[in-house]
Amino acid sequence: MHEERLRILQLVRDVRLSPAEAAELLAALGPEPRSPSQPETPPPSSRESRRLHLRVTDTAGGRTRVHLTLPLDWLDLGLRWGGLNDTQRAQVRTALLTIPGDKLLDVEDAESGERVEILVE
């Protein structure tokens, strides 16, 4: 079942599924079974909290136009505004924290000369 979850997350990363659609699919899969040897990890303290970065750069000169950094905890607020319930928000947050690598989105628009990156660090 881990492979199915990973595939759903990759579809969100590739912008082929919205986070809301992914949350529905993840909910349909049910909770991922935890192996007996896998200890439950405590939630990170606020100091250890990961951050969501949105970066827009000029591809011609490499100049950063926008660099927005938000605590990942703030994502819950945005997801709540998006109409997701508690379970769906938790699943999207878990998905973001478990995507291999840190880059969720990397899009370059040659026409506008901009590159947009969304990262979780």
N, C-alpha and C. Protein backbone atom coordinates (compact mmCIF):
# COMPACT_ATOMS: atom_id res chain seq x y z
N MET A 1 0.83 -1.19 0.00
CA MET A 1 0.00 0.00 0.00
C MET A 1 0.87 1.26 0.00
N HIS A 2 2.10 1.13 0.45
CA HIS A 2 3.01 2.28 0.47
C HIS A 2 3.24 2.82 -0.93
N GLU A 3 3.33 1.93 -1.92
CA GLU A 3 3.57 2.34 -3.30
C GLU A 3 2.40 3.18 -3.83
N GLU A 4 1.16 2.79 -3.47
CA GLU A 4 0.00 3.56 -3.92
C GLU A 4 0.03 4.96 -3.34
N ARG A 5 0.38 5.07 -2.05
CA ARG A 5 0.46 6.38 -1.41
C ARG A 5 1.53 7.24 -2.08
N LEU A 6 2.66 6.64 -2.34
CA LEU A 6 3.75 7.35 -2.97
C LEU A 6 3.34 7.85 -4.36
N ARG A 7 2.63 7.02 -5.10
CA ARG A 7 2.17 7.41 -6.44
C ARG A 7 1.21 8.59 -6.36
N ILE A 8 0.30 8.59 -5.39
CA ILE A 8 -0.63 9.71 -5.20
C ILE A 8 0.15 10.98 -4.92
N LEU A 9 1.15 10.90 -4.06
CA LEU A 9 1.96 12.08 -3.72
C LEU A 9 2.73 12.59 -4.93
N GLN A 10 3.20 11.68 -5.74
CA GLN A 10 3.91 12.09 -6.95
C GLN A 10 2.97 12.80 -7.92
N LEU A 11 1.72 12.36 -7.98
CA LEU A 11 0.74 13.02 -8.85
C LEU A 11 0.45 14.45 -8.36
N VAL A 12 0.44 14.65 -7.04
CA VAL A 12 0.27 16.00 -6.50
C VAL A 12 1.50 16.83 -6.86
N ARG A 13 2.68 16.26 -6.66
CA ARG A 13 3.92 16.98 -6.99
C ARG A 13 3.95 17.37 -8.46
N ASP A 14 3.45 16.50 -9.33
CA ASP A 14 3.45 16.75 -10.77
C ASP A 14 2.24 17.58 -11.21
N VAL A 15 1.45 18.05 -10.25
CA VAL A 15 0.27 18.88 -10.47
C VAL A 15 -0.76 18.18 -11.36
N ARG A 16 -0.86 16.89 -11.19
CA ARG A 16 -1.87 16.11 -11.92
C ARG A 16 -3.07 15.82 -11.01
N LEU A 17 -2.89 16.04 -9.70
CA LEU A 17 -3.95 15.91 -8.70
C LEU A 17 -3.87 17.11 -7.77
N SER A 18 -5.01 17.58 -7.31
CA SER A 18 -5.02 18.65 -6.31
C SER A 18 -4.80 18.02 -4.93
N PRO A 19 -4.35 18.81 -3.95
CA PRO A 19 -4.22 18.26 -2.60
C PRO A 19 -5.54 17.70 -2.06
N ALA A 20 -6.65 18.33 -2.40
CA ALA A 20 -7.95 17.84 -1.94
C ALA A 20 -8.26 16.47 -2.54
N GLU A 21 -7.98 16.31 -3.83
CA GLU A 21 -8.21 15.02 -4.47
C GLU A 21 -7.30 13.95 -3.88
N ALA A 22 -6.05 14.34 -3.62
CA ALA A 22 -5.11 13.40 -3.02
C ALA A 22 -5.56 12.98 -1.63
N ALA A 23 -6.08 13.94 -0.87
CA ALA A 23 -6.55 13.63 0.48
C ALA A 23 -7.68 12.60 0.44
N GLU A 24 -8.58 12.76 -0.54
CA GLU A 24 -9.68 11.79 -0.67
C GLU A 24 -9.15 10.39 -1.00
N LEU A 25 -8.19 10.33 -1.92
CA LEU A 25 -7.63 9.03 -2.29
C LEU A 25 -6.88 8.40 -1.11
N LEU A 26 -6.10 9.22 -0.39
CA LEU A 26 -5.37 8.71 0.77
C LEU A 26 -6.34 8.22 1.85
N ALA A 27 -7.44 8.95 2.03
CA ALA A 27 -8.44 8.52 3.02
C ALA A 27 -9.07 7.19 2.61
N ALA A 28 -9.29 7.01 1.31
CA ALA A 28 -9.88 5.76 0.83
C ALA A 28 -8.94 4.58 1.07
N LEU A 29 -7.63 4.84 1.03
CA LEU A 29 -6.66 3.77 1.30
C LEU A 29 -6.63 3.38 2.77
N GLY A 30 -7.08 4.28 3.64
CA GLY A 30 -7.05 4.01 5.07
C GLY A 30 -5.67 4.26 5.64
N PRO A 31 -5.52 4.08 6.96
CA PRO A 31 -4.22 4.33 7.57
C PRO A 31 -3.16 3.34 7.10
N GLU A 32 -1.95 3.84 6.96
CA GLU A 32 -0.86 2.96 6.55
C GLU A 32 -0.43 2.12 7.74
N PRO A 33 -0.36 0.80 7.57
CA PRO A 33 0.05 -0.04 8.70
C PRO A 33 1.48 0.25 9.11
N ARG A 34 1.71 0.24 10.41
CA ARG A 34 3.04 0.49 10.96
C ARG A 34 3.65 -0.84 11.35
N SER A 35 4.87 -1.04 10.93
CA SER A 35 5.52 -2.30 11.27
C SER A 35 5.91 -2.27 12.75
N PRO A 36 5.95 -3.44 13.41
CA PRO A 36 6.28 -3.48 14.84
C PRO A 36 7.67 -2.89 15.13
N SER A 37 8.59 -2.99 14.18
CA SER A 37 9.94 -2.48 14.42
C SER A 37 10.04 -0.98 14.17
N GLN A 38 9.00 -0.38 13.60
CA GLN A 38 9.02 1.04 13.28
C GLN A 38 8.47 1.82 14.47
N PRO A 39 9.32 2.53 15.20
CA PRO A 39 8.83 3.28 16.36
C PRO A 39 8.00 4.47 15.92
N GLU A 40 7.04 4.83 16.74
CA GLU A 40 6.24 6.00 16.44
C GLU A 40 7.07 7.23 16.75
N THR A 41 7.17 8.13 15.79
CA THR A 41 7.98 9.32 16.00
C THR A 41 7.12 10.42 16.59
N PRO A 42 7.64 11.10 17.60
CA PRO A 42 6.86 12.17 18.20
C PRO A 42 6.80 13.36 17.23
N PRO A 43 5.74 14.17 17.32
CA PRO A 43 5.67 15.33 16.44
C PRO A 43 6.81 16.29 16.75
N PRO A 44 7.34 16.98 15.75
CA PRO A 44 8.45 17.89 16.00
C PRO A 44 8.01 19.07 16.85
N SER A 45 8.93 19.58 17.66
CA SER A 45 8.62 20.78 18.43
C SER A 45 8.59 21.95 17.47
N SER A 46 8.10 23.09 17.93
CA SER A 46 7.98 24.23 17.03
C SER A 46 9.34 24.67 16.49
N ARG A 47 10.41 24.47 17.26
CA ARG A 47 11.74 24.83 16.79
C ARG A 47 12.21 23.90 15.67
N GLU A 48 11.73 22.66 15.69
CA GLU A 48 12.14 21.69 14.68
C GLU A 48 11.17 21.66 13.51
N SER A 49 10.14 22.49 13.56
CA SER A 49 9.11 22.46 12.54
C SER A 49 9.69 22.75 11.16
N ARG A 50 9.20 22.02 10.18
CA ARG A 50 9.65 22.22 8.81
C ARG A 50 8.97 23.44 8.22
N ARG A 51 9.53 23.93 7.16
CA ARG A 51 9.03 25.14 6.54
C ARG A 51 8.70 24.91 5.07
N LEU A 52 7.72 25.63 4.62
CA LEU A 52 7.31 25.62 3.23
C LEU A 52 7.90 26.86 2.57
N HIS A 53 8.62 26.67 1.47
CA HIS A 53 9.26 27.77 0.76
C HIS A 53 8.64 27.91 -0.62
N LEU A 54 8.29 29.13 -0.97
CA LEU A 54 7.85 29.46 -2.32
C LEU A 54 8.87 30.44 -2.87
N ARG A 55 9.48 30.06 -3.98
CA ARG A 55 10.53 30.90 -4.55
C ARG A 55 10.23 31.12 -6.03
N VAL A 56 10.23 32.40 -6.44
CA VAL A 56 10.07 32.77 -7.85
C VAL A 56 11.35 33.50 -8.25
N THR A 57 12.00 32.99 -9.29
CA THR A 57 13.25 33.61 -9.74
C THR A 57 13.16 33.97 -11.21
N ASP A 58 13.95 34.96 -11.58
CA ASP A 58 14.09 35.40 -12.97
C ASP A 58 15.09 34.45 -13.62
N THR A 59 14.66 33.73 -14.66
CA THR A 59 15.55 32.73 -15.26
C THR A 59 16.70 33.36 -16.02
N ALA A 60 16.52 34.57 -16.51
CA ALA A 60 17.60 35.21 -17.28
C ALA A 60 18.76 35.61 -16.38
N GLY A 61 18.44 36.25 -15.26
CA GLY A 61 19.51 36.75 -14.39
C GLY A 61 19.67 35.98 -13.09
N GLY A 62 18.74 35.08 -12.82
CA GLY A 62 18.81 34.31 -11.57
C GLY A 62 18.40 35.10 -10.35
N ARG A 63 17.88 36.32 -10.54
CA ARG A 63 17.46 37.17 -9.42
C ARG A 63 16.18 36.63 -8.80
N THR A 64 16.15 36.56 -7.48
CA THR A 64 14.96 36.11 -6.77
C THR A 64 13.94 37.23 -6.74
N ARG A 65 12.76 36.95 -7.25
CA ARG A 65 11.67 37.94 -7.24
C ARG A 65 10.82 37.80 -5.99
N VAL A 66 10.57 36.55 -5.62
CA VAL A 66 9.75 36.28 -4.42
C VAL A 66 10.39 35.11 -3.70
N HIS A 67 10.52 35.24 -2.38
CA HIS A 67 10.93 34.11 -1.55
C HIS A 67 10.10 34.19 -0.28
N LEU A 68 9.11 33.35 -0.23
CA LEU A 68 8.18 33.32 0.89
C LEU A 68 8.44 32.05 1.69
N THR A 69 8.66 32.19 2.98
CA THR A 69 8.89 31.05 3.85
C THR A 69 7.83 31.06 4.94
N LEU A 70 7.15 29.94 5.08
CA LEU A 70 6.10 29.82 6.10
C LEU A 70 6.31 28.54 6.89
N PRO A 71 6.03 28.58 8.20
CA PRO A 71 6.05 27.33 8.95
C PRO A 71 5.02 26.38 8.35
N LEU A 72 5.37 25.13 8.25
CA LEU A 72 4.45 24.14 7.67
C LEU A 72 3.16 24.08 8.48
N ASP A 73 3.24 24.43 9.75
CA ASP A 73 2.04 24.45 10.58
C ASP A 73 0.98 25.40 10.01
N TRP A 74 1.42 26.46 9.34
CA TRP A 74 0.48 27.41 8.76
C TRP A 74 -0.28 26.80 7.60
N LEU A 75 0.27 25.75 7.04
CA LEU A 75 -0.40 25.07 5.94
C LEU A 75 -1.78 24.58 6.39
N ASP A 76 -1.88 24.14 7.65
CA ASP A 76 -3.16 23.67 8.17
C ASP A 76 -4.24 24.75 8.04
N LEU A 77 -3.85 25.99 8.30
CA LEU A 77 -4.80 27.09 8.20
C LEU A 77 -5.29 27.24 6.76
N GLY A 78 -4.37 27.20 5.81
CA GLY A 78 -4.73 27.30 4.40
C GLY A 78 -5.61 26.15 3.96
N LEU A 79 -5.29 24.95 4.44
CA LEU A 79 -6.10 23.78 4.08
C LEU A 79 -7.49 23.87 4.70
N ARG A 80 -7.58 24.44 5.89
CA ARG A 80 -8.88 24.63 6.53
C ARG A 80 -9.72 25.60 5.70
N TRP A 81 -9.08 26.68 5.22
CA TRP A 81 -9.79 27.63 4.36
C TRP A 81 -10.20 26.96 3.07
N GLY A 82 -9.42 25.97 2.63
CA GLY A 82 -9.74 25.24 1.42
C GLY A 82 -10.89 24.25 1.59
N GLY A 83 -11.40 24.12 2.81
CA GLY A 83 -12.55 23.27 3.05
C GLY A 83 -12.23 21.83 3.40
N LEU A 84 -10.96 21.51 3.71
CA LEU A 84 -10.62 20.14 4.07
C LEU A 84 -10.94 19.89 5.54
N ASN A 85 -11.38 18.69 5.84
CA ASN A 85 -11.66 18.35 7.24
C ASN A 85 -10.36 17.96 7.95
N ASP A 86 -10.43 17.69 9.24
CA ASP A 86 -9.24 17.38 10.05
C ASP A 86 -8.45 16.20 9.48
N THR A 87 -9.15 15.15 9.09
CA THR A 87 -8.48 13.96 8.57
C THR A 87 -7.77 14.27 7.26
N GLN A 88 -8.44 14.98 6.38
CA GLN A 88 -7.84 15.33 5.09
C GLN A 88 -6.61 16.23 5.28
N ARG A 89 -6.71 17.21 6.19
CA ARG A 89 -5.57 18.10 6.45
C ARG A 89 -4.39 17.30 6.98
N ALA A 90 -4.65 16.37 7.88
CA ALA A 90 -3.57 15.55 8.44
C ALA A 90 -2.93 14.69 7.35
N GLN A 91 -3.73 14.18 6.44
CA GLN A 91 -3.19 13.34 5.38
C GLN A 91 -2.34 14.15 4.40
N VAL A 92 -2.78 15.36 4.06
CA VAL A 92 -1.99 16.21 3.17
C VAL A 92 -0.68 16.59 3.84
N ARG A 93 -0.74 16.94 5.12
CA ARG A 93 0.47 17.30 5.85
C ARG A 93 1.44 16.11 5.90
N THR A 94 0.93 14.93 6.20
CA THR A 94 1.77 13.73 6.21
C THR A 94 2.36 13.49 4.84
N ALA A 95 1.56 13.68 3.81
CA ALA A 95 2.04 13.48 2.45
C ALA A 95 3.19 14.43 2.15
N LEU A 96 3.05 15.69 2.53
CA LEU A 96 4.11 16.67 2.27
C LEU A 96 5.39 16.33 3.01
N LEU A 97 5.24 15.77 4.20
CA LEU A 97 6.42 15.44 5.00
C LEU A 97 7.10 14.16 4.56
N THR A 98 6.41 13.35 3.75
CA THR A 98 6.99 12.06 3.38
C THR A 98 7.36 11.96 1.90
N ILE A 99 7.17 13.03 1.15
CA ILE A 99 7.57 13.01 -0.26
C ILE A 99 9.09 12.90 -0.32
N PRO A 100 9.59 11.97 -1.12
CA PRO A 100 11.05 11.86 -1.23
C PRO A 100 11.64 13.15 -1.78
N GLY A 101 12.73 13.61 -1.17
CA GLY A 101 13.32 14.88 -1.57
C GLY A 101 12.54 16.01 -0.97
N ASP A 102 12.98 17.22 -1.22
CA ASP A 102 12.31 18.36 -0.60
C ASP A 102 11.56 19.22 -1.60
N LYS A 103 11.72 18.98 -2.90
CA LYS A 103 11.10 19.84 -3.90
C LYS A 103 9.75 19.28 -4.31
N LEU A 104 8.68 20.07 -4.05
CA LEU A 104 7.33 19.64 -4.40
C LEU A 104 6.98 20.08 -5.82
N LEU A 105 7.49 21.24 -6.22
CA LEU A 105 7.14 21.78 -7.52
C LEU A 105 8.32 22.57 -8.06
N ASP A 106 8.60 22.41 -9.33
CA ASP A 106 9.66 23.17 -9.99
C ASP A 106 9.19 23.39 -11.42
N VAL A 107 8.72 24.61 -11.70
CA VAL A 107 8.16 24.94 -13.00
C VAL A 107 8.89 26.14 -13.57
N GLU A 108 9.28 26.02 -14.82
CA GLU A 108 9.94 27.14 -15.49
C GLU A 108 9.08 27.55 -16.68
N ASP A 109 8.75 28.84 -16.73
CA ASP A 109 7.96 29.39 -17.83
C ASP A 109 8.89 30.21 -18.71
N ALA A 110 9.26 29.65 -19.86
CA ALA A 110 10.20 30.31 -20.75
C ALA A 110 9.63 31.62 -21.29
N GLU A 111 8.33 31.66 -21.50
CA GLU A 111 7.70 32.87 -22.05
C GLU A 111 7.81 34.05 -21.09
N SER A 112 7.53 33.81 -19.82
CA SER A 112 7.61 34.91 -18.85
C SER A 112 9.00 35.05 -18.24
N GLY A 113 9.85 34.03 -18.44
CA GLY A 113 11.20 34.08 -17.89
C GLY A 113 11.23 33.89 -16.39
N GLU A 114 10.28 33.12 -15.87
CA GLU A 114 10.22 32.89 -14.43
C GLU A 114 10.30 31.40 -14.11
N ARG A 115 10.84 31.14 -12.95
CA ARG A 115 10.89 29.78 -12.42
C ARG A 115 10.23 29.82 -11.04
N VAL A 116 9.31 28.88 -10.82
CA VAL A 116 8.61 28.78 -9.54
C VAL A 116 8.98 27.47 -8.89
N GLU A 117 9.40 27.55 -7.64
CA GLU A 117 9.75 26.34 -6.88
C GLU A 117 8.97 26.37 -5.55
N ILE A 118 8.47 25.21 -5.17
CA ILE A 118 7.88 25.03 -3.85
C ILE A 118 8.64 23.89 -3.19
N LEU A 119 9.21 24.19 -2.02
CA LEU A 119 10.03 23.21 -1.30
C LEU A 119 9.57 23.08 0.13
N VAL A 120 9.84 21.92 0.71
CA VAL A 120 9.62 21.71 2.14
C VAL A 120 10.98 21.40 2.73
N GLU A 121 11.39 22.19 3.69
CA GLU A 121 12.70 21.98 4.34
C GLU A 121 12.53 22.03 5.85
